[in-house]
Amino acid sequence: MTTRVLLVDDQQLVRAGFRALVDSARDLEVVGEASNGSEALAPVRARRADVVQALRAGASGLLAKDVRPHVLLDAIHTIARGEALLTPGATRALISRFLAHPDTDPAAMHKLQVLTHVGFGRSNDEIADELFLSPLTVKTHISRVLTKTGARDRAQLVVLAYETGLVRPGSNPTT
């Protein structure tokens, strides 16, 4: 079965490189290109593509542009199977954006704080006490972080927190 891919990037040269790479895989086909999300809406609504990278629209994966070619192809296959993917480099960039603009999304900041505490091995009750949240709110944030990152369990969240540099050995969580 062929996976249909819609490429969306504001740089034509980047799209051309992605097109060449995707077209080189016998089970992938580029069905269109767009320079922004608005241009991508029509083909997405027409369901002409199986895979489109669009984080704000609920994408299941996020990659940095500098990934190796085989990583991009593997990611497309992973997303086409319905799995989630968030590479450490992309996660670092996402966390940096949240840290740079903390006032823009309070819920996102709570999720980031909760992830930090999970990385330090704190229980839901300990996190709730530290962040002045209810244990149910903490549980909800953890559930959403699991969904957004594609992590299977708390242990993977701990690994993610360390891999992204959110948690470092010997440091303490900050609120």
N, C-alpha and C. Protein backbone atom coordinates (compact mmCIF):
# COMPACT_ATOMS: atom_id res chain seq x y z
N MET A 1 0.83 -1.18 0.00
CA MET A 1 0.00 0.00 0.00
C MET A 1 0.88 1.25 0.00
N THR A 2 0.51 2.23 -0.78
CA THR A 2 1.27 3.47 -0.87
C THR A 2 0.72 4.50 0.10
N THR A 3 1.63 5.15 0.85
CA THR A 3 1.25 6.22 1.76
C THR A 3 1.38 7.54 1.02
N ARG A 4 0.29 8.31 1.01
CA ARG A 4 0.27 9.60 0.32
C ARG A 4 0.70 10.70 1.28
N VAL A 5 1.68 11.51 0.86
CA VAL A 5 2.29 12.52 1.72
C VAL A 5 2.07 13.91 1.13
N LEU A 6 1.63 14.84 1.97
CA LEU A 6 1.53 16.24 1.61
C LEU A 6 2.65 16.98 2.32
N LEU A 7 3.50 17.68 1.56
CA LEU A 7 4.62 18.42 2.14
C LEU A 7 4.22 19.87 2.40
N VAL A 8 4.50 20.36 3.61
CA VAL A 8 4.19 21.74 3.95
C VAL A 8 5.42 22.35 4.60
N ASP A 9 5.98 23.35 3.95
CA ASP A 9 7.11 24.10 4.49
C ASP A 9 7.18 25.42 3.76
N ASP A 10 7.61 26.47 4.45
CA ASP A 10 7.65 27.78 3.82
C ASP A 10 8.84 27.96 2.87
N GLN A 11 9.77 27.03 2.88
CA GLN A 11 10.95 27.14 2.02
C GLN A 11 10.84 26.13 0.87
N GLN A 12 10.81 26.65 -0.35
CA GLN A 12 10.65 25.81 -1.53
C GLN A 12 11.79 24.80 -1.67
N LEU A 13 13.01 25.22 -1.35
CA LEU A 13 14.15 24.32 -1.46
C LEU A 13 14.03 23.15 -0.47
N VAL A 14 13.55 23.43 0.72
CA VAL A 14 13.35 22.36 1.71
C VAL A 14 12.30 21.38 1.20
N ARG A 15 11.19 21.92 0.65
CA ARG A 15 10.14 21.05 0.10
C ARG A 15 10.69 20.19 -1.03
N ALA A 16 11.52 20.78 -1.87
CA ALA A 16 12.10 20.03 -3.00
C ALA A 16 12.98 18.89 -2.49
N GLY A 17 13.75 19.16 -1.45
CA GLY A 17 14.58 18.11 -0.87
C GLY A 17 13.76 17.01 -0.25
N PHE A 18 12.71 17.40 0.49
CA PHE A 18 11.82 16.40 1.08
C PHE A 18 11.12 15.59 -0.01
N ARG A 19 10.71 16.27 -1.09
CA ARG A 19 10.03 15.57 -2.20
C ARG A 19 10.95 14.51 -2.80
N ALA A 20 12.19 14.88 -3.07
CA ALA A 20 13.13 13.93 -3.65
C ALA A 20 13.32 12.72 -2.72
N LEU A 21 13.43 12.99 -1.45
CA LEU A 21 13.63 11.91 -0.48
C LEU A 21 12.40 11.01 -0.40
N VAL A 22 11.23 11.62 -0.24
CA VAL A 22 10.00 10.83 -0.11
C VAL A 22 9.73 10.05 -1.39
N ASP A 23 9.93 10.68 -2.54
CA ASP A 23 9.71 9.98 -3.81
C ASP A 23 10.68 8.82 -4.02
N SER A 24 11.80 8.83 -3.30
CA SER A 24 12.78 7.75 -3.45
C SER A 24 12.32 6.46 -2.77
N ALA A 25 11.34 6.56 -1.88
CA ALA A 25 10.82 5.38 -1.19
C ALA A 25 9.68 4.80 -2.03
N ARG A 26 9.74 3.52 -2.31
CA ARG A 26 8.77 2.92 -3.23
C ARG A 26 7.34 2.87 -2.67
N ASP A 27 7.20 2.94 -1.35
CA ASP A 27 5.85 2.86 -0.77
C ASP A 27 5.32 4.22 -0.32
N LEU A 28 5.99 5.32 -0.70
CA LEU A 28 5.56 6.67 -0.37
C LEU A 28 5.37 7.47 -1.65
N GLU A 29 4.39 8.38 -1.63
CA GLU A 29 4.12 9.21 -2.81
C GLU A 29 3.77 10.62 -2.35
N VAL A 30 4.45 11.62 -2.88
CA VAL A 30 4.12 13.01 -2.60
C VAL A 30 2.91 13.37 -3.47
N VAL A 31 1.81 13.76 -2.81
CA VAL A 31 0.59 14.08 -3.54
C VAL A 31 0.34 15.58 -3.62
N GLY A 32 1.22 16.37 -3.01
CA GLY A 32 1.07 17.81 -3.08
C GLY A 32 2.04 18.52 -2.18
N GLU A 33 2.13 19.84 -2.40
CA GLU A 33 2.99 20.69 -1.61
C GLU A 33 2.24 21.97 -1.26
N ALA A 34 2.60 22.56 -0.14
CA ALA A 34 2.03 23.84 0.27
C ALA A 34 3.11 24.60 1.01
N SER A 35 3.04 25.93 0.92
CA SER A 35 4.05 26.74 1.61
C SER A 35 3.61 27.14 3.00
N ASN A 36 2.34 26.91 3.33
CA ASN A 36 1.85 27.24 4.67
C ASN A 36 0.59 26.42 4.97
N GLY A 37 0.14 26.55 6.20
CA GLY A 37 -1.03 25.78 6.62
C GLY A 37 -2.29 26.12 5.86
N SER A 38 -2.46 27.39 5.50
CA SER A 38 -3.65 27.79 4.75
C SER A 38 -3.71 27.10 3.40
N GLU A 39 -2.56 27.05 2.71
CA GLU A 39 -2.51 26.37 1.42
C GLU A 39 -2.74 24.87 1.55
N ALA A 40 -2.40 24.32 2.70
CA ALA A 40 -2.52 22.88 2.89
C ALA A 40 -3.95 22.45 3.21
N LEU A 41 -4.80 23.40 3.60
CA LEU A 41 -6.15 23.03 4.03
C LEU A 41 -6.96 22.31 2.97
N ALA A 42 -6.95 22.80 1.75
CA ALA A 42 -7.78 22.18 0.70
C ALA A 42 -7.40 20.72 0.47
N PRO A 43 -6.12 20.41 0.24
CA PRO A 43 -5.79 19.00 0.05
C PRO A 43 -6.04 18.14 1.29
N VAL A 44 -5.88 18.72 2.48
CA VAL A 44 -6.13 17.96 3.70
C VAL A 44 -7.63 17.66 3.82
N ARG A 45 -8.45 18.67 3.56
CA ARG A 45 -9.90 18.47 3.64
C ARG A 45 -10.39 17.48 2.60
N ALA A 46 -9.74 17.45 1.46
CA ALA A 46 -10.13 16.51 0.40
C ALA A 46 -9.61 15.11 0.68
N ARG A 47 -8.87 14.97 1.78
CA ARG A 47 -8.31 13.67 2.21
C ARG A 47 -7.44 13.04 1.12
N ARG A 48 -6.69 13.88 0.45
CA ARG A 48 -5.80 13.36 -0.59
C ARG A 48 -4.47 12.89 -0.02
N ALA A 49 -4.23 13.17 1.26
CA ALA A 49 -2.95 12.79 1.87
C ALA A 49 -3.20 11.95 3.12
N ASP A 50 -2.30 11.00 3.35
CA ASP A 50 -2.35 10.18 4.56
C ASP A 50 -1.52 10.80 5.67
N VAL A 51 -0.45 11.51 5.30
CA VAL A 51 0.48 12.08 6.27
C VAL A 51 0.76 13.53 5.91
N VAL A 52 0.61 14.44 6.92
CA VAL A 52 0.94 15.86 6.81
C VAL A 52 1.54 16.24 8.16
N GLN A 53 2.64 16.93 8.25
CA GLN A 53 3.17 17.39 9.54
C GLN A 53 2.53 18.73 9.89
N ALA A 54 1.64 18.73 10.87
CA ALA A 54 0.95 19.95 11.27
C ALA A 54 0.65 19.88 12.76
N LEU A 55 1.59 20.30 13.59
CA LEU A 55 1.48 20.15 15.03
C LEU A 55 0.24 20.82 15.61
N ARG A 56 -0.04 22.06 15.24
CA ARG A 56 -1.18 22.78 15.81
C ARG A 56 -2.51 22.16 15.43
N ALA A 57 -2.53 21.40 14.35
CA ALA A 57 -3.77 20.75 13.91
C ALA A 57 -3.93 19.38 14.53
N GLY A 58 -3.05 19.04 15.46
CA GLY A 58 -3.17 17.76 16.15
C GLY A 58 -2.29 16.68 15.57
N ALA A 59 -1.18 17.05 14.99
CA ALA A 59 -0.28 16.07 14.38
C ALA A 59 0.22 15.07 15.42
N SER A 60 0.52 13.90 14.94
CA SER A 60 1.01 12.83 15.82
C SER A 60 2.52 12.79 15.90
N GLY A 61 3.19 13.68 15.20
CA GLY A 61 4.64 13.65 15.23
C GLY A 61 5.25 15.01 14.99
N LEU A 62 6.46 15.15 15.43
CA LEU A 62 7.20 16.39 15.24
C LEU A 62 8.67 16.05 15.08
N LEU A 63 9.26 16.56 13.99
CA LEU A 63 10.67 16.35 13.71
C LEU A 63 11.34 17.70 13.49
N ALA A 64 12.61 17.77 13.78
CA ALA A 64 13.38 18.95 13.41
C ALA A 64 13.75 18.83 11.93
N LYS A 65 13.98 19.95 11.26
CA LYS A 65 14.30 19.92 9.84
C LYS A 65 15.64 19.27 9.55
N ASP A 66 16.51 19.19 10.56
CA ASP A 66 17.85 18.68 10.31
C ASP A 66 17.99 17.18 10.56
N VAL A 67 16.87 16.44 10.58
CA VAL A 67 16.97 15.00 10.80
C VAL A 67 17.61 14.33 9.60
N ARG A 68 18.19 13.18 9.85
CA ARG A 68 18.79 12.40 8.77
C ARG A 68 17.68 11.85 7.88
N PRO A 69 17.98 11.66 6.60
CA PRO A 69 16.95 11.20 5.65
C PRO A 69 16.22 9.93 6.10
N HIS A 70 16.93 8.94 6.60
CA HIS A 70 16.26 7.71 7.00
C HIS A 70 15.33 7.93 8.19
N VAL A 71 15.64 8.91 9.04
CA VAL A 71 14.78 9.22 10.18
C VAL A 71 13.46 9.81 9.68
N LEU A 72 13.52 10.68 8.68
CA LEU A 72 12.30 11.25 8.11
C LEU A 72 11.42 10.16 7.50
N LEU A 73 12.03 9.28 6.72
CA LEU A 73 11.25 8.20 6.10
C LEU A 73 10.65 7.28 7.15
N ASP A 74 11.44 6.94 8.17
CA ASP A 74 10.92 6.10 9.26
C ASP A 74 9.77 6.80 9.98
N ALA A 75 9.89 8.12 10.17
CA ALA A 75 8.85 8.88 10.85
C ALA A 75 7.55 8.87 10.06
N ILE A 76 7.65 9.03 8.75
CA ILE A 76 6.45 8.99 7.91
C ILE A 76 5.75 7.65 8.04
N HIS A 77 6.54 6.57 8.01
CA HIS A 77 5.95 5.23 8.17
C HIS A 77 5.31 5.07 9.56
N THR A 78 5.97 5.59 10.59
CA THR A 78 5.45 5.50 11.96
C THR A 78 4.11 6.21 12.07
N ILE A 79 4.04 7.42 11.55
CA ILE A 79 2.81 8.21 11.62
C ILE A 79 1.71 7.55 10.78
N ALA A 80 2.07 7.03 9.62
CA ALA A 80 1.07 6.37 8.76
C ALA A 80 0.46 5.15 9.45
N ARG A 81 1.23 4.50 10.34
CA ARG A 81 0.70 3.35 11.09
C ARG A 81 -0.20 3.79 12.24
N GLY A 82 -0.30 5.10 12.46
CA GLY A 82 -1.16 5.60 13.52
C GLY A 82 -0.45 5.77 14.85
N GLU A 83 0.87 5.65 14.85
CA GLU A 83 1.64 5.83 16.07
C GLU A 83 2.07 7.29 16.19
N ALA A 84 2.54 7.67 17.36
CA ALA A 84 3.02 9.04 17.59
C ALA A 84 4.54 9.06 17.59
N LEU A 85 5.09 10.22 17.28
CA LEU A 85 6.54 10.36 17.23
C LEU A 85 6.93 11.78 17.59
N LEU A 86 7.85 11.92 18.52
CA LEU A 86 8.38 13.22 18.90
C LEU A 86 9.86 13.02 19.18
N THR A 87 10.72 13.49 18.29
CA THR A 87 12.15 13.28 18.48
C THR A 87 12.68 14.18 19.58
N PRO A 88 13.77 13.77 20.25
CA PRO A 88 14.33 14.61 21.31
C PRO A 88 14.67 16.02 20.85
N GLY A 89 15.21 16.16 19.65
CA GLY A 89 15.55 17.50 19.15
C GLY A 89 14.32 18.37 18.99
N ALA A 90 13.27 17.79 18.46
CA ALA A 90 12.03 18.53 18.30
C ALA A 90 11.40 18.84 19.65
N THR A 91 11.50 17.91 20.57
CA THR A 91 10.96 18.13 21.91
C THR A 91 11.69 19.28 22.58
N ARG A 92 13.02 19.31 22.45
CA ARG A 92 13.80 20.42 23.03
C ARG A 92 13.33 21.76 22.47
N ALA A 93 13.10 21.80 21.15
CA ALA A 93 12.65 23.04 20.53
C ALA A 93 11.28 23.44 21.04
N LEU A 94 10.40 22.47 21.18
CA LEU A 94 9.06 22.74 21.69
C LEU A 94 9.11 23.25 23.12
N ILE A 95 9.91 22.61 23.96
CA ILE A 95 10.05 23.04 25.35
C ILE A 95 10.65 24.44 25.41
N SER A 96 11.63 24.72 24.57
CA SER A 96 12.23 26.05 24.53
C SER A 96 11.20 27.12 24.19
N ARG A 97 10.31 26.80 23.23
CA ARG A 97 9.26 27.75 22.87
C ARG A 97 8.33 28.01 24.04
N PHE A 98 7.97 26.94 24.77
CA PHE A 98 7.11 27.12 25.93
C PHE A 98 7.81 27.97 26.98
N LEU A 99 9.10 27.73 27.20
CA LEU A 99 9.84 28.48 28.21
C LEU A 99 10.01 29.94 27.80
N ALA A 100 10.15 30.19 26.51
CA ALA A 100 10.34 31.56 26.02
C ALA A 100 9.06 32.38 26.09
N HIS A 101 7.91 31.72 26.05
CA HIS A 101 6.63 32.42 26.05
C HIS A 101 5.69 31.82 27.10
N PRO A 102 6.07 31.91 28.38
CA PRO A 102 5.27 31.25 29.42
C PRO A 102 3.88 31.83 29.60
N ASP A 103 3.66 33.08 29.26
CA ASP A 103 2.36 33.69 29.48
C ASP A 103 1.34 33.34 28.40
N THR A 104 1.80 32.77 27.29
CA THR A 104 0.90 32.52 26.18
C THR A 104 -0.03 31.34 26.41
N ASP A 105 0.38 30.36 27.18
CA ASP A 105 -0.45 29.18 27.38
C ASP A 105 -0.21 28.62 28.78
N PRO A 106 -0.98 29.08 29.76
CA PRO A 106 -0.77 28.61 31.14
C PRO A 106 -0.91 27.10 31.27
N ALA A 107 -1.84 26.49 30.54
CA ALA A 107 -2.02 25.04 30.64
C ALA A 107 -0.76 24.33 30.14
N ALA A 108 -0.17 24.85 29.08
CA ALA A 108 1.06 24.24 28.55
C ALA A 108 2.19 24.36 29.58
N MET A 109 2.25 25.49 30.27
CA MET A 109 3.28 25.66 31.28
C MET A 109 3.07 24.69 32.44
N HIS A 110 1.81 24.47 32.82
CA HIS A 110 1.54 23.49 33.88
C HIS A 110 2.00 22.10 33.43
N LYS A 111 1.73 21.77 32.16
CA LYS A 111 2.16 20.46 31.66
C LYS A 111 3.67 20.33 31.72
N LEU A 112 4.37 21.41 31.36
CA LEU A 112 5.82 21.40 31.38
C LEU A 112 6.33 21.25 32.82
N GLN A 113 5.72 21.95 33.75
CA GLN A 113 6.10 21.83 35.16
C GLN A 113 5.83 20.42 35.67
N VAL A 114 4.68 19.87 35.30
CA VAL A 114 4.35 18.51 35.72
C VAL A 114 5.34 17.52 35.14
N LEU A 115 5.69 17.68 33.86
CA LEU A 115 6.69 16.80 33.24
C LEU A 115 8.02 16.87 33.98
N THR A 116 8.41 18.06 34.37
CA THR A 116 9.65 18.23 35.13
C THR A 116 9.60 17.43 36.43
N HIS A 117 8.51 17.56 37.16
CA HIS A 117 8.37 16.84 38.42
C HIS A 117 8.31 15.33 38.21
N VAL A 118 7.64 14.89 37.15
CA VAL A 118 7.62 13.46 36.82
C VAL A 118 9.05 12.99 36.56
N GLY A 119 9.83 13.82 35.87
CA GLY A 119 11.22 13.50 35.59
C GLY A 119 12.05 13.30 36.85
N PHE A 120 11.66 13.98 37.92
CA PHE A 120 12.35 13.83 39.20
C PHE A 120 11.75 12.71 40.05
N GLY A 121 10.79 11.98 39.47
CA GLY A 121 10.23 10.82 40.16
C GLY A 121 9.16 11.14 41.20
N ARG A 122 8.58 12.34 41.12
CA ARG A 122 7.56 12.72 42.09
C ARG A 122 6.23 12.00 41.81
N SER A 123 5.49 11.72 42.86
CA SER A 123 4.15 11.13 42.73
C SER A 123 3.15 12.23 42.36
N ASN A 124 1.97 11.83 41.95
CA ASN A 124 0.93 12.82 41.63
C ASN A 124 0.62 13.71 42.84
N ASP A 125 0.52 13.11 44.02
CA ASP A 125 0.23 13.89 45.23
C ASP A 125 1.35 14.88 45.53
N GLU A 126 2.61 14.45 45.37
CA GLU A 126 3.74 15.35 45.62
C GLU A 126 3.74 16.51 44.63
N ILE A 127 3.45 16.19 43.36
CA ILE A 127 3.40 17.24 42.33
C ILE A 127 2.27 18.22 42.64
N ALA A 128 1.11 17.68 43.03
CA ALA A 128 -0.04 18.53 43.35
C ALA A 128 0.30 19.49 44.49
N ASP A 129 0.94 18.98 45.54
CA ASP A 129 1.32 19.83 46.67
C ASP A 129 2.30 20.91 46.24
N GLU A 130 3.29 20.54 45.46
CA GLU A 130 4.34 21.48 45.05
C GLU A 130 3.81 22.58 44.13
N LEU A 131 2.88 22.21 43.22
CA LEU A 131 2.38 23.17 42.23
C LEU A 131 1.04 23.79 42.61
N PHE A 132 0.53 23.44 43.79
CA PHE A 132 -0.76 23.96 44.25
C PHE A 132 -1.88 23.62 43.27
N LEU A 133 -1.88 22.36 42.84
CA LEU A 133 -2.91 21.83 41.95
C LEU A 133 -3.59 20.67 42.65
N SER A 134 -4.73 20.27 42.15
CA SER A 134 -5.36 19.07 42.70
C SER A 134 -4.69 17.85 42.09
N PRO A 135 -4.70 16.72 42.79
CA PRO A 135 -4.14 15.49 42.21
C PRO A 135 -4.82 15.11 40.89
N LEU A 136 -6.13 15.38 40.77
CA LEU A 136 -6.84 15.08 39.53
C LEU A 136 -6.32 15.94 38.38
N THR A 137 -6.03 17.22 38.66
CA THR A 137 -5.47 18.10 37.63
C THR A 137 -4.10 17.60 37.20
N VAL A 138 -3.29 17.17 38.15
CA VAL A 138 -1.97 16.62 37.83
C VAL A 138 -2.13 15.38 36.94
N LYS A 139 -3.04 14.51 37.31
CA LYS A 139 -3.29 13.29 36.53
C LYS A 139 -3.71 13.65 35.10
N THR A 140 -4.56 14.66 34.96
CA THR A 140 -5.00 15.11 33.64
C THR A 140 -3.82 15.64 32.83
N HIS A 141 -2.97 16.46 33.46
CA HIS A 141 -1.80 17.00 32.75
C HIS A 141 -0.88 15.86 32.30
N ILE A 142 -0.66 14.89 33.16
CA ILE A 142 0.21 13.75 32.81
C ILE A 142 -0.39 12.99 31.64
N SER A 143 -1.68 12.76 31.67
CA SER A 143 -2.35 12.07 30.57
C SER A 143 -2.17 12.82 29.26
N ARG A 144 -2.31 14.14 29.30
CA ARG A 144 -2.15 14.95 28.08
C ARG A 144 -0.70 14.95 27.59
N VAL A 145 0.25 14.98 28.52
CA VAL A 145 1.67 14.92 28.14
C VAL A 145 1.97 13.56 27.49
N LEU A 146 1.44 12.50 28.06
CA LEU A 146 1.62 11.16 27.47
C LEU A 146 1.09 11.14 26.04
N THR A 147 -0.09 11.70 25.84
CA THR A 147 -0.70 11.73 24.51
C THR A 147 0.12 12.56 23.54
N LYS A 148 0.50 13.76 23.96
CA LYS A 148 1.24 14.66 23.05
C LYS A 148 2.62 14.15 22.70
N THR A 149 3.27 13.47 23.63
CA THR A 149 4.62 13.00 23.36
C THR A 149 4.66 11.59 22.77
N GLY A 150 3.54 10.88 22.86
CA GLY A 150 3.52 9.50 22.37
C GLY A 150 4.18 8.53 23.32
N ALA A 151 4.47 8.99 24.52
CA ALA A 151 5.10 8.11 25.52
C ALA A 151 4.06 7.10 26.01
N ARG A 152 4.52 5.88 26.30
CA ARG A 152 3.62 4.83 26.75
C ARG A 152 3.28 4.93 28.24
N ASP A 153 4.24 5.41 29.02
CA ASP A 153 4.04 5.39 30.46
C ASP A 153 4.92 6.44 31.14
N ARG A 154 4.83 6.52 32.45
CA ARG A 154 5.60 7.49 33.24
C ARG A 154 7.09 7.30 33.07
N ALA A 155 7.52 6.05 32.96
CA ALA A 155 8.95 5.78 32.81
C ALA A 155 9.49 6.44 31.54
N GLN A 156 8.72 6.38 30.46
CA GLN A 156 9.16 7.04 29.24
C GLN A 156 9.17 8.56 29.39
N LEU A 157 8.27 9.09 30.21
CA LEU A 157 8.29 10.53 30.47
C LEU A 157 9.55 10.93 31.22
N VAL A 158 9.99 10.09 32.15
CA VAL A 158 11.23 10.36 32.88
C VAL A 158 12.40 10.40 31.90
N VAL A 159 12.47 9.42 31.02
CA VAL A 159 13.53 9.38 30.01
C VAL A 159 13.46 10.62 29.14
N LEU A 160 12.27 10.98 28.70
CA LEU A 160 12.09 12.16 27.86
C LEU A 160 12.57 13.43 28.58
N ALA A 161 12.23 13.55 29.85
CA ALA A 161 12.65 14.73 30.62
C ALA A 161 14.17 14.84 30.68
N TYR A 162 14.86 13.70 30.81
CA TYR A 162 16.32 13.71 30.83
C TYR A 162 16.90 13.94 29.43
N GLU A 163 16.35 13.26 28.42
CA GLU A 163 16.88 13.40 27.06
C GLU A 163 16.77 14.83 26.55
N THR A 164 15.73 15.53 26.93
CA THR A 164 15.53 16.89 26.44
C THR A 164 16.25 17.94 27.28
N GLY A 165 16.85 17.51 28.40
CA GLY A 165 17.56 18.45 29.25
C GLY A 165 16.65 19.18 30.22
N LEU A 166 15.38 18.82 30.24
CA LEU A 166 14.45 19.43 31.18
C LEU A 166 14.83 19.09 32.61
N VAL A 167 15.35 17.89 32.80
CA VAL A 167 15.82 17.43 34.10
C VAL A 167 17.27 17.01 33.94
N ARG A 168 18.09 17.43 34.90
CA ARG A 168 19.51 17.06 34.89
C ARG A 168 19.84 16.39 36.22
N PRO A 169 20.72 15.39 36.21
CA PRO A 169 21.09 14.76 37.47
C PRO A 169 21.63 15.78 38.47
N GLY A 170 21.17 15.66 39.70
CA GLY A 170 21.64 16.56 40.75
C GLY A 170 20.92 17.88 40.84
N SER A 171 20.01 18.16 39.89
CA SER A 171 19.28 19.44 39.96
C SER A 171 17.95 19.21 40.69
N ASN A 172 17.29 20.30 41.01
CA ASN A 172 15.99 20.24 41.69
C ASN A 172 14.92 20.79 40.77
N PRO A 173 13.68 20.31 40.90
CA PRO A 173 12.62 20.86 40.05
C PRO A 173 12.35 22.31 40.42
N THR A 174 12.05 23.09 39.38
CA THR A 174 11.70 24.49 39.62
C THR A 174 10.23 24.65 39.29
N THR A 175 9.60 25.51 39.99
CA THR A 175 8.16 25.71 39.77
C THR A 175 7.88 27.01 39.09
